[in-house]
Amino acid sequence: MHVPTMAELMAKGESPEVLFWVGCAGSFDQRAQKITKAFITILETIGTNYAILGKEELCTGDPARRAGNEFMFQMMAYQNIQILNGYGIKKIVTACPHCFNTLKNEYPQLGGTYEVIHHATFLQQLIDEGKIKMTEGGSLRGKKITYHDSCYLGRANNIYEAPRKVLEALDVSLVEMKRCRSNGLCCGAGGAQMFKEEEKGTTRINIERANEALETGAHIIASACPFCNTMMTDGVKNSNKEEDVQVLDIAELVATSMEKGEDSL
């Protein structure tokens, strides 16, 4: 896939409609790279004018700040803001709620103010505008799907409807877990927990959450966060259900169901 970078576009004197912020997980994690590819497939299919920063993109600094290293966070943030402001970026789309929350709510205090959209909201807008059209009787039709609310998307930014509306457009049967929306249970990765050993306890959070998802009888657990995706996948594997239940990002579900989308994946 050839993905345009900001440097390439600026060299031609062009500027993109949106900057796609890939994030560390979307860049380096093999599983999350598939989410990145699916989202780019969608952007390419509908002809969105977009670009990424490529090698100029640093981590937003979210894990550093959550782990208590404020100095490291500010160093990363200032470097990113310098690059974003240098390119005159106005609109950013990201598939990671952690990047979304940091860019939207924490960068303005350091001089980086942008219109930041999570890909769940962005996909919902494209579906509402008729730019994304689903194939009739797609492979997902009638399948049971449960959606896991990411903490940084749900409780932190009050985005509950957008991902559900995207899933409803797929002609699937959406089943909710007992704990959902503002009462949803964390996957266990937030607050930099992803990068450290867990404290002593009786149950790992991701196993408890995955079990709640499995209890719904869903064929697919949908998420909108690469961290949640990893934790839920591990939880499903712990129950030896990976043959029966898939954990997929909403972008992957849309990319496989949209018109002209199948050939691209």
C-alpha atoms as a PDB file:
ATOM      1  CA  MET A   1       0.000   0.000   0.000  1.00  0.00           C
ATOM      2  CA  HIS A   2       1.306   3.432  -0.826  1.00  0.00           C
ATOM      3  CA  VAL A   3       0.253   5.758   1.971  1.00  0.00           C
ATOM      4  CA  PRO A   4       0.951   9.455   1.356  1.00  0.00           C
ATOM      5  CA  THR A   5       3.009  11.292   3.979  1.00  0.00           C
ATOM      6  CA  MET A   6       2.717  14.951   4.920  1.00  0.00           C
ATOM      7  CA  ALA A   7       6.283  15.564   3.710  1.00  0.00           C
ATOM      8  CA  GLU A   8       5.415  14.176   0.236  1.00  0.00           C
ATOM      9  CA  LEU A   9       2.252  16.274  -0.055  1.00  0.00           C
ATOM     10  CA  MET A  10       3.933  19.454   1.153  1.00  0.00           C
ATOM     11  CA  ALA A  11       6.715  18.940  -1.392  1.00  0.00           C
ATOM     12  CA  LYS A  12       4.003  19.043  -4.089  1.00  0.00           C
ATOM     13  CA  GLY A  13       2.396  22.086  -2.484  1.00  0.00           C
ATOM     14  CA  GLU A  14      -0.692  20.113  -1.438  1.00  0.00           C
ATOM     15  CA  SER A  15      -2.356  19.718   1.931  1.00  0.00           C
ATOM     16  CA  PRO A  16      -4.654  16.854   2.986  1.00  0.00           C
ATOM     17  CA  GLU A  17      -8.219  17.119   4.192  1.00  0.00           C
ATOM     18  CA  VAL A  18      -7.358  14.951   7.226  1.00  0.00           C
ATOM     19  CA  LEU A  19      -4.212  13.738   8.923  1.00  0.00           C
ATOM     20  CA  PHE A  20      -4.488  10.085   9.957  1.00  0.00           C
ATOM     21  CA  TRP A  21      -2.650   9.678  13.260  1.00  0.00           C
ATOM     22  CA  VAL A  22      -1.538   6.039  13.220  1.00  0.00           C
ATOM     23  CA  GLY A  23      -0.230   5.735  16.800  1.00  0.00           C
ATOM     24  CA  CYS A  24       2.318   3.298  18.251  1.00  0.00           C
ATOM     25  CA  ALA A  25       0.018   0.269  18.299  1.00  0.00           C
ATOM     26  CA  GLY A  26      -1.182   0.895  14.734  1.00  0.00           C
ATOM     27  CA  SER A  27       2.435   1.263  13.567  1.00  0.00           C
ATOM     28  CA  PHE A  28       4.292  -1.480  15.417  1.00  0.00           C
ATOM     29  CA  ASP A  29       1.845  -4.060  16.770  1.00  0.00           C
ATOM     30  CA  GLN A  30       1.258  -6.786  14.158  1.00  0.00           C
ATOM     31  CA  ARG A  31      -2.406  -7.201  15.104  1.00  0.00           C
ATOM     32  CA  ALA A  32      -3.104  -3.462  15.175  1.00  0.00           C
ATOM     33  CA  GLN A  33      -1.381  -3.003  11.796  1.00  0.00           C
ATOM     34  CA  LYS A  34      -4.343  -4.889  10.298  1.00  0.00           C
ATOM     35  CA  ILE A  35      -6.684  -2.251  11.781  1.00  0.00           C
ATOM     36  CA  THR A  36      -4.523   0.496  10.238  1.00  0.00           C
ATOM     37  CA  LYS A  37      -4.665  -1.245   6.838  1.00  0.00           C
ATOM     38  CA  ALA A  38      -8.439  -1.689   7.092  1.00  0.00           C
ATOM     39  CA  PHE A  39      -8.950   1.995   7.915  1.00  0.00           C
ATOM     40  CA  ILE A  40      -6.662   3.102   5.070  1.00  0.00           C
ATOM     41  CA  THR A  41      -8.562   0.751   2.729  1.00  0.00           C
ATOM     42  CA  ILE A  42     -11.758   2.625   3.683  1.00  0.00           C
ATOM     43  CA  LEU A  43     -10.115   6.038   3.124  1.00  0.00           C
ATOM     44  CA  GLU A  44      -8.768   4.909  -0.272  1.00  0.00           C
ATOM     45  CA  THR A  45     -12.085   3.348  -1.357  1.00  0.00           C
ATOM     46  CA  ILE A  46     -14.095   6.510  -0.723  1.00  0.00           C
ATOM     47  CA  GLY A  47     -11.352   8.771  -2.103  1.00  0.00           C
ATOM     48  CA  THR A  48     -10.537  10.763   1.033  1.00  0.00           C
ATOM     49  CA  ASN A  49      -7.658  13.199   0.691  1.00  0.00           C
ATOM     50  CA  TYR A  50      -5.491  12.148   3.643  1.00  0.00           C
ATOM     51  CA  ALA A  51      -1.877  11.755   4.753  1.00  0.00           C
ATOM     52  CA  ILE A  52       0.131  10.399   7.681  1.00  0.00           C
ATOM     53  CA  LEU A  53       3.220  11.837   9.369  1.00  0.00           C
ATOM     54  CA  GLY A  54       5.173   8.608   8.840  1.00  0.00           C
ATOM     55  CA  LYS A  55       8.592   8.676  10.510  1.00  0.00           C
ATOM     56  CA  GLU A  56       7.885  12.168  11.850  1.00  0.00           C
ATOM     57  CA  GLU A  57       5.148  10.821  14.149  1.00  0.00           C
ATOM     58  CA  LEU A  58       6.194  10.247  17.757  1.00  0.00           C
ATOM     59  CA  CYS A  59       4.149   8.553  20.474  1.00  0.00           C
ATOM     60  CA  THR A  60       1.634  11.079  21.837  1.00  0.00           C
ATOM     61  CA  GLY A  61       3.168  10.480  25.276  1.00  0.00           C
ATOM     62  CA  ASP A  62      -0.047   9.066  26.765  1.00  0.00           C
ATOM     63  CA  PRO A  63       1.553   5.958  28.364  1.00  0.00           C
ATOM     64  CA  ALA A  64       4.386   8.076  29.807  1.00  0.00           C
ATOM     65  CA  ARG A  65       1.955  10.530  31.432  1.00  0.00           C
ATOM     66  CA  ARG A  66      -0.312   7.757  32.770  1.00  0.00           C
ATOM     67  CA  ALA A  67       2.730   6.023  34.271  1.00  0.00           C
ATOM     68  CA  GLY A  68       3.746   9.261  35.978  1.00  0.00           C
ATOM     69  CA  ASN A  69       6.592  10.443  33.737  1.00  0.00           C
ATOM     70  CA  GLU A  70       5.336  13.963  33.080  1.00  0.00           C
ATOM     71  CA  PHE A  71       8.718  15.163  31.795  1.00  0.00           C
ATOM     72  CA  MET A  72       8.811  12.500  29.067  1.00  0.00           C
ATOM     73  CA  PHE A  73       5.174  13.266  28.125  1.00  0.00           C
ATOM     74  CA  GLN A  74       5.839  16.975  27.683  1.00  0.00           C
ATOM     75  CA  MET A  75       8.995  16.350  25.639  1.00  0.00           C
ATOM     76  CA  MET A  76       7.093  14.087  23.227  1.00  0.00           C
ATOM     77  CA  ALA A  77       4.059  16.365  23.114  1.00  0.00           C
ATOM     78  CA  TYR A  78       6.082  19.495  22.312  1.00  0.00           C
ATOM     79  CA  GLN A  79       7.909  17.709  19.483  1.00  0.00           C
ATOM     80  CA  ASN A  80       4.639  16.476  17.985  1.00  0.00           C
ATOM     81  CA  ILE A  81       2.991  19.889  18.336  1.00  0.00           C
ATOM     82  CA  GLN A  82       5.954  21.543  16.607  1.00  0.00           C
ATOM     83  CA  ILE A  83       5.598  19.156  13.641  1.00  0.00           C
ATOM     84  CA  LEU A  84       1.772  19.410  13.477  1.00  0.00           C
ATOM     85  CA  ASN A  85       1.791  23.207  13.715  1.00  0.00           C
ATOM     86  CA  GLY A  86       4.642  23.389  11.193  1.00  0.00           C
ATOM     87  CA  TYR A  87       2.443  21.571   8.667  1.00  0.00           C
ATOM     88  CA  GLY A  88      -0.582  23.684   9.600  1.00  0.00           C
ATOM     89  CA  ILE A  89      -2.650  20.611  10.521  1.00  0.00           C
ATOM     90  CA  LYS A  90      -6.271  21.380  11.376  1.00  0.00           C
ATOM     91  CA  LYS A  91      -8.057  18.005  11.406  1.00  0.00           C
ATOM     92  CA  ILE A  92      -6.756  14.715  12.834  1.00  0.00           C
ATOM     93  CA  VAL A  93      -8.403  11.269  12.712  1.00  0.00           C
ATOM     94  CA  THR A  94      -7.077   8.426  14.844  1.00  0.00           C
ATOM     95  CA  ALA A  95      -8.108   4.808  15.450  1.00  0.00           C
ATOM     96  CA  CYS A  96      -6.766   4.825  19.019  1.00  0.00           C
ATOM     97  CA  PRO A  97      -8.837   6.301  21.888  1.00  0.00           C
ATOM     98  CA  HIS A  98      -5.649   6.940  23.898  1.00  0.00           C
ATOM     99  CA  CYS A  99      -4.145   9.051  21.093  1.00  0.00           C
ATOM    100  CA  PHE A 100      -7.563  10.661  20.551  1.00  0.00           C
ATOM    101  CA  ASN A 101      -7.966  11.668  24.203  1.00  0.00           C
ATOM    102  CA  THR A 102      -4.424  13.039  24.503  1.00  0.00           C
ATOM    103  CA  LEU A 103      -4.454  14.985  21.224  1.00  0.00           C
ATOM    104  CA  LYS A 104      -7.959  16.365  21.845  1.00  0.00           C
ATOM    105  CA  ASN A 105      -7.938  17.132  25.558  1.00  0.00           C
ATOM    106  CA  GLU A 106      -4.297  17.470  26.648  1.00  0.00           C
ATOM    107  CA  TYR A 107      -2.374  18.976  23.721  1.00  0.00           C
ATOM    108  CA  PRO A 108      -4.301  22.305  23.731  1.00  0.00           C
ATOM    109  CA  GLN A 109      -2.700  23.212  27.103  1.00  0.00           C
ATOM    110  CA  LEU A 110       0.697  22.912  25.398  1.00  0.00           C
ATOM    111  CA  GLY A 111      -0.206  24.915  22.296  1.00  0.00           C
ATOM    112  CA  GLY A 112      -1.564  22.186  20.023  1.00  0.00           C
ATOM    113  CA  THR A 113      -5.231  22.834  19.198  1.00  0.00           C
ATOM    114  CA  TYR A 114      -6.776  20.679  16.461  1.00  0.00           C
ATOM    115  CA  GLU A 115     -10.099  19.174  15.469  1.00  0.00           C
ATOM    116  CA  VAL A 116      -9.537  15.590  16.628  1.00  0.00           C
ATOM    117  CA  ILE A 117     -11.968  12.828  15.601  1.00  0.00           C
ATOM    118  CA  HIS A 118     -11.942   9.186  16.623  1.00  0.00           C
ATOM    119  CA  HIS A 119     -12.415   6.768  13.743  1.00  0.00           C
ATOM    120  CA  ALA A 120     -15.730   5.531  15.218  1.00  0.00           C
ATOM    121  CA  THR A 121     -17.239   9.023  14.854  1.00  0.00           C
ATOM    122  CA  PHE A 122     -15.539   9.520  11.478  1.00  0.00           C
ATOM    123  CA  LEU A 123     -16.940   6.237  10.105  1.00  0.00           C
ATOM    124  CA  GLN A 124     -20.403   7.074  11.421  1.00  0.00           C
ATOM    125  CA  GLN A 125     -20.271  10.455   9.636  1.00  0.00           C
ATOM    126  CA  LEU A 126     -19.215   8.786   6.359  1.00  0.00           C
ATOM    127  CA  ILE A 127     -22.056   6.235   6.641  1.00  0.00           C
ATOM    128  CA  ASP A 128     -24.590   9.001   7.446  1.00  0.00           C
ATOM    129  CA  GLU A 129     -23.382  11.045   4.452  1.00  0.00           C
ATOM    130  CA  GLY A 130     -23.773   7.992   2.187  1.00  0.00           C
ATOM    131  CA  LYS A 131     -20.050   7.917   1.324  1.00  0.00           C
ATOM    132  CA  ILE A 132     -19.728   4.415   2.768  1.00  0.00           C
ATOM    133  CA  LYS A 133     -22.289   2.002   1.389  1.00  0.00           C
ATOM    134  CA  MET A 134     -22.626  -1.542   2.680  1.00  0.00           C
ATOM    135  CA  THR A 135     -23.017  -4.524   0.362  1.00  0.00           C
ATOM    136  CA  GLU A 136     -26.405  -6.194   0.492  1.00  0.00           C
ATOM    137  CA  GLY A 137     -26.435  -9.501   2.365  1.00  0.00           C
ATOM    138  CA  GLY A 138     -22.758  -9.266   3.339  1.00  0.00           C
ATOM    139  CA  SER A 139     -20.792 -11.946   5.170  1.00  0.00           C
ATOM    140  CA  LEU A 140     -21.701 -10.426   8.556  1.00  0.00           C
ATOM    141  CA  ARG A 141     -25.455 -10.320   7.992  1.00  0.00           C
ATOM    142  CA  GLY A 142     -27.417 -11.562  11.008  1.00  0.00           C
ATOM    143  CA  LYS A 143     -24.294 -12.351  13.035  1.00  0.00           C
ATOM    144  CA  LYS A 144     -24.383 -11.622  16.740  1.00  0.00           C
ATOM    145  CA  ILE A 145     -21.949  -8.882  17.705  1.00  0.00           C
ATOM    146  CA  THR A 146     -21.245  -7.402  21.123  1.00  0.00           C
ATOM    147  CA  TYR A 147     -19.397  -4.100  21.457  1.00  0.00           C
ATOM    148  CA  HIS A 148     -16.851  -3.412  24.196  1.00  0.00           C
ATOM    149  CA  ASP A 149     -16.709   0.250  25.289  1.00  0.00           C
ATOM    150  CA  SER A 150     -13.185   1.641  25.502  1.00  0.00           C
ATOM    151  CA  CYS A 151     -12.712   3.734  28.669  1.00  0.00           C
ATOM    152  CA  TYR A 152     -11.100   6.636  26.809  1.00  0.00           C
ATOM    153  CA  LEU A 153     -13.835   6.685  24.202  1.00  0.00           C
ATOM    154  CA  GLY A 154     -16.789   6.098  26.520  1.00  0.00           C
ATOM    155  CA  ARG A 155     -16.390   7.442  30.029  1.00  0.00           C
ATOM    156  CA  ALA A 156     -13.613   9.909  29.179  1.00  0.00           C
ATOM    157  CA  ASN A 157     -15.204  11.404  26.040  1.00  0.00           C
ATOM    158  CA  ASN A 158     -18.844  10.276  26.154  1.00  0.00           C
ATOM    159  CA  ILE A 159     -18.739   8.536  22.758  1.00  0.00           C
ATOM    160  CA  TYR A 160     -21.170   5.626  23.027  1.00  0.00           C
ATOM    161  CA  GLU A 161     -23.521   5.967  20.054  1.00  0.00           C
ATOM    162  CA  ALA A 162     -21.094   6.351  17.122  1.00  0.00           C
ATOM    163  CA  PRO A 163     -19.521   2.862  17.248  1.00  0.00           C
ATOM    164  CA  ARG A 164     -22.928   1.253  17.805  1.00  0.00           C
ATOM    165  CA  LYS A 165     -24.442   3.124  14.859  1.00  0.00           C
ATOM    166  CA  VAL A 166     -21.560   1.914  12.676  1.00  0.00           C
ATOM    167  CA  LEU A 167     -22.264  -1.678  13.745  1.00  0.00           C
ATOM    168  CA  GLU A 168     -26.021  -1.271  13.192  1.00  0.00           C
ATOM    169  CA  ALA A 169     -25.296  -0.215   9.605  1.00  0.00           C
ATOM    170  CA  LEU A 170     -23.704  -3.651   9.041  1.00  0.00           C
ATOM    171  CA  ASP A 171     -27.079  -5.397   9.355  1.00  0.00           C
ATOM    172  CA  VAL A 172     -25.937  -7.442  12.362  1.00  0.00           C
ATOM    173  CA  SER A 173     -27.621  -8.341  15.622  1.00  0.00           C
ATOM    174  CA  LEU A 174     -26.098  -6.148  18.341  1.00  0.00           C
ATOM    175  CA  VAL A 175     -26.182  -7.673  21.832  1.00  0.00           C
ATOM    176  CA  GLU A 176     -25.037  -5.718  24.884  1.00  0.00           C
ATOM    177  CA  MET A 177     -22.988  -7.044  27.782  1.00  0.00           C
ATOM    178  CA  LYS A 178     -24.354  -6.683  31.314  1.00  0.00           C
ATOM    179  CA  ARG A 179     -21.842  -3.913  31.963  1.00  0.00           C
ATOM    180  CA  CYS A 180     -21.877  -1.520  29.028  1.00  0.00           C
ATOM    181  CA  ARG A 181     -21.798   2.161  28.129  1.00  0.00           C
ATOM    182  CA  SER A 182     -21.012   4.297  31.227  1.00  0.00           C
ATOM    183  CA  ASN A 183     -21.043   1.129  33.368  1.00  0.00           C
ATOM    184  CA  GLY A 184     -18.653  -0.704  31.043  1.00  0.00           C
ATOM    185  CA  LEU A 185     -15.690  -2.578  32.512  1.00  0.00           C
ATOM    186  CA  CYS A 186     -12.147  -1.616  31.514  1.00  0.00           C
ATOM    187  CA  CYS A 187     -10.241  -4.193  29.414  1.00  0.00           C
ATOM    188  CA  GLY A 188      -7.322  -3.907  31.837  1.00  0.00           C
ATOM    189  CA  ALA A 189      -4.834  -2.056  29.596  1.00  0.00           C
ATOM    190  CA  GLY A 190      -5.539   1.628  30.373  1.00  0.00           C
ATOM    191  CA  GLY A 191      -3.434   3.846  32.597  1.00  0.00           C
ATOM    192  CA  ALA A 192      -0.214   2.279  31.204  1.00  0.00           C
ATOM    193  CA  GLN A 193      -1.230  -1.083  32.752  1.00  0.00           C
ATOM    194  CA  MET A 194      -0.559  -2.592  29.308  1.00  0.00           C
ATOM    195  CA  PHE A 195       3.167  -2.196  29.922  1.00  0.00           C
ATOM    196  CA  LYS A 196       3.539  -3.527  33.457  1.00  0.00           C
ATOM    197  CA  GLU A 197       2.922  -6.616  35.515  1.00  0.00           C
ATOM    198  CA  GLU A 198      -0.503  -6.716  37.133  1.00  0.00           C
ATOM    199  CA  GLU A 199      -0.932  -6.424  40.897  1.00  0.00           C
ATOM    200  CA  LYS A 200      -1.912  -9.454  42.936  1.00  0.00           C
ATOM    201  CA  GLY A 201      -5.560 -10.421  42.749  1.00  0.00           C
ATOM    202  CA  THR A 202      -7.883 -13.301  42.009  1.00  0.00           C
ATOM    203  CA  THR A 203      -8.790 -12.558  38.358  1.00  0.00           C
ATOM    204  CA  ARG A 204      -7.192 -10.656  35.521  1.00  0.00           C
ATOM    205  CA  ILE A 205      -9.468  -7.839  34.365  1.00  0.00           C
ATOM    206  CA  ASN A 206      -9.263  -8.833  30.692  1.00  0.00           C
ATOM    207  CA  ILE A 207     -10.330 -12.407  31.486  1.00  0.00           C
ATOM    208  CA  GLU A 208     -13.334 -11.171  33.468  1.00  0.00           C
ATOM    209  CA  ARG A 209     -14.310  -8.760  30.681  1.00  0.00           C
ATOM    210  CA  ALA A 210     -13.845 -11.351  27.915  1.00  0.00           C
ATOM    211  CA  ASN A 211     -16.028 -13.792  29.869  1.00  0.00           C
ATOM    212  CA  GLU A 212     -18.781 -11.141  30.041  1.00  0.00           C
ATOM    213  CA  ALA A 213     -18.544 -10.789  26.253  1.00  0.00           C
ATOM    214  CA  LEU A 214     -18.630 -14.561  25.712  1.00  0.00           C
ATOM    215  CA  GLU A 215     -21.731 -14.860  27.935  1.00  0.00           C
ATOM    216  CA  THR A 216     -23.696 -12.830  25.354  1.00  0.00           C
ATOM    217  CA  GLY A 217     -23.271 -15.671  22.843  1.00  0.00           C
ATOM    218  CA  ALA A 218     -21.826 -13.236  20.275  1.00  0.00           C
ATOM    219  CA  HIS A 219     -19.866 -14.503  17.259  1.00  0.00           C
ATOM    220  CA  ILE A 220     -17.794 -11.313  17.159  1.00  0.00           C
ATOM    221  CA  ILE A 221     -16.535  -8.967  19.876  1.00  0.00           C
ATOM    222  CA  ALA A 222     -16.179  -5.520  18.317  1.00  0.00           C
ATOM    223  CA  SER A 223     -13.804  -2.932  19.728  1.00  0.00           C
ATOM    224  CA  ALA A 224     -12.625   0.512  18.675  1.00  0.00           C
ATOM    225  CA  CYS A 225      -9.239   0.494  20.428  1.00  0.00           C
ATOM    226  CA  PRO A 226      -6.048  -1.486  19.691  1.00  0.00           C
ATOM    227  CA  PHE A 227      -5.374  -1.970  23.426  1.00  0.00           C
ATOM    228  CA  CYS A 228      -8.874  -3.327  24.049  1.00  0.00           C
ATOM    229  CA  ASN A 229      -8.470  -5.569  21.010  1.00  0.00           C
ATOM    230  CA  THR A 230      -5.315  -7.171  22.436  1.00  0.00           C
ATOM    231  CA  MET A 231      -6.756  -7.649  25.918  1.00  0.00           C
ATOM    232  CA  MET A 232     -10.066  -9.092  24.696  1.00  0.00           C
ATOM    233  CA  THR A 233      -8.258 -11.435  22.278  1.00  0.00           C
ATOM    234  CA  ASP A 234      -6.099 -12.743  25.133  1.00  0.00           C
ATOM    235  CA  GLY A 235      -9.225 -13.210  27.257  1.00  0.00           C
ATOM    236  CA  VAL A 236     -10.970 -15.192  24.497  1.00  0.00           C
ATOM    237  CA  LYS A 237      -7.869 -17.372  24.057  1.00  0.00           C
ATOM    238  CA  ASN A 238      -7.848 -18.037  27.806  1.00  0.00           C
ATOM    239  CA  SER A 239     -11.323 -19.581  27.412  1.00  0.00           C
ATOM    240  CA  ASN A 240     -10.171 -21.563  24.334  1.00  0.00           C
ATOM    241  CA  LYS A 241     -12.860 -19.873  22.262  1.00  0.00           C
ATOM    242  CA  GLU A 242     -10.667 -18.297  19.573  1.00  0.00           C
ATOM    243  CA  GLU A 243     -12.011 -20.761  16.974  1.00  0.00           C
ATOM    244  CA  ASP A 244     -15.615 -19.648  17.634  1.00  0.00           C
ATOM    245  CA  VAL A 245     -15.337 -15.959  18.547  1.00  0.00           C
ATOM    246  CA  GLN A 246     -13.423 -13.249  16.689  1.00  0.00           C
ATOM    247  CA  VAL A 247     -12.257  -9.936  18.145  1.00  0.00           C
ATOM    248  CA  LEU A 248     -12.369  -7.287  15.425  1.00  0.00           C
ATOM    249  CA  ASP A 249     -12.074  -3.512  15.203  1.00  0.00           C
ATOM    250  CA  ILE A 250     -15.045  -1.630  13.768  1.00  0.00           C
ATOM    251  CA  ALA A 251     -12.818  -0.469  10.874  1.00  0.00           C
ATOM    252  CA  GLU A 252     -12.121  -4.093   9.922  1.00  0.00           C
ATOM    253  CA  LEU A 253     -15.839  -4.900  10.007  1.00  0.00           C
ATOM    254  CA  VAL A 254     -16.659  -1.914   7.793  1.00  0.00           C
ATOM    255  CA  ALA A 255     -13.789  -2.643   5.358  1.00  0.00           C
ATOM    256  CA  THR A 256     -15.032  -6.204   4.774  1.00  0.00           C
ATOM    257  CA  SER A 257     -18.683  -5.148   4.421  1.00  0.00           C
ATOM    258  CA  MET A 258     -18.520  -1.961   2.362  1.00  0.00           C
ATOM    259  CA  GLU A 259     -19.093  -1.892  -1.396  1.00  0.00           C
ATOM    260  CA  LYS A 260     -15.821  -2.379  -3.335  1.00  0.00           C
ATOM    261  CA  GLY A 261     -14.163  -3.145   0.008  1.00  0.00           C
ATOM    262  CA  GLU A 262     -13.669  -6.909  -0.333  1.00  0.00           C
ATOM    263  CA  ASP A 263     -11.048  -6.816  -3.090  1.00  0.00           C
ATOM    264  CA  SER A 264      -8.872  -4.323  -1.260  1.00  0.00           C
ATOM    265  CA  LEU A 265      -8.341  -6.373   1.895  1.00  0.00           C
END
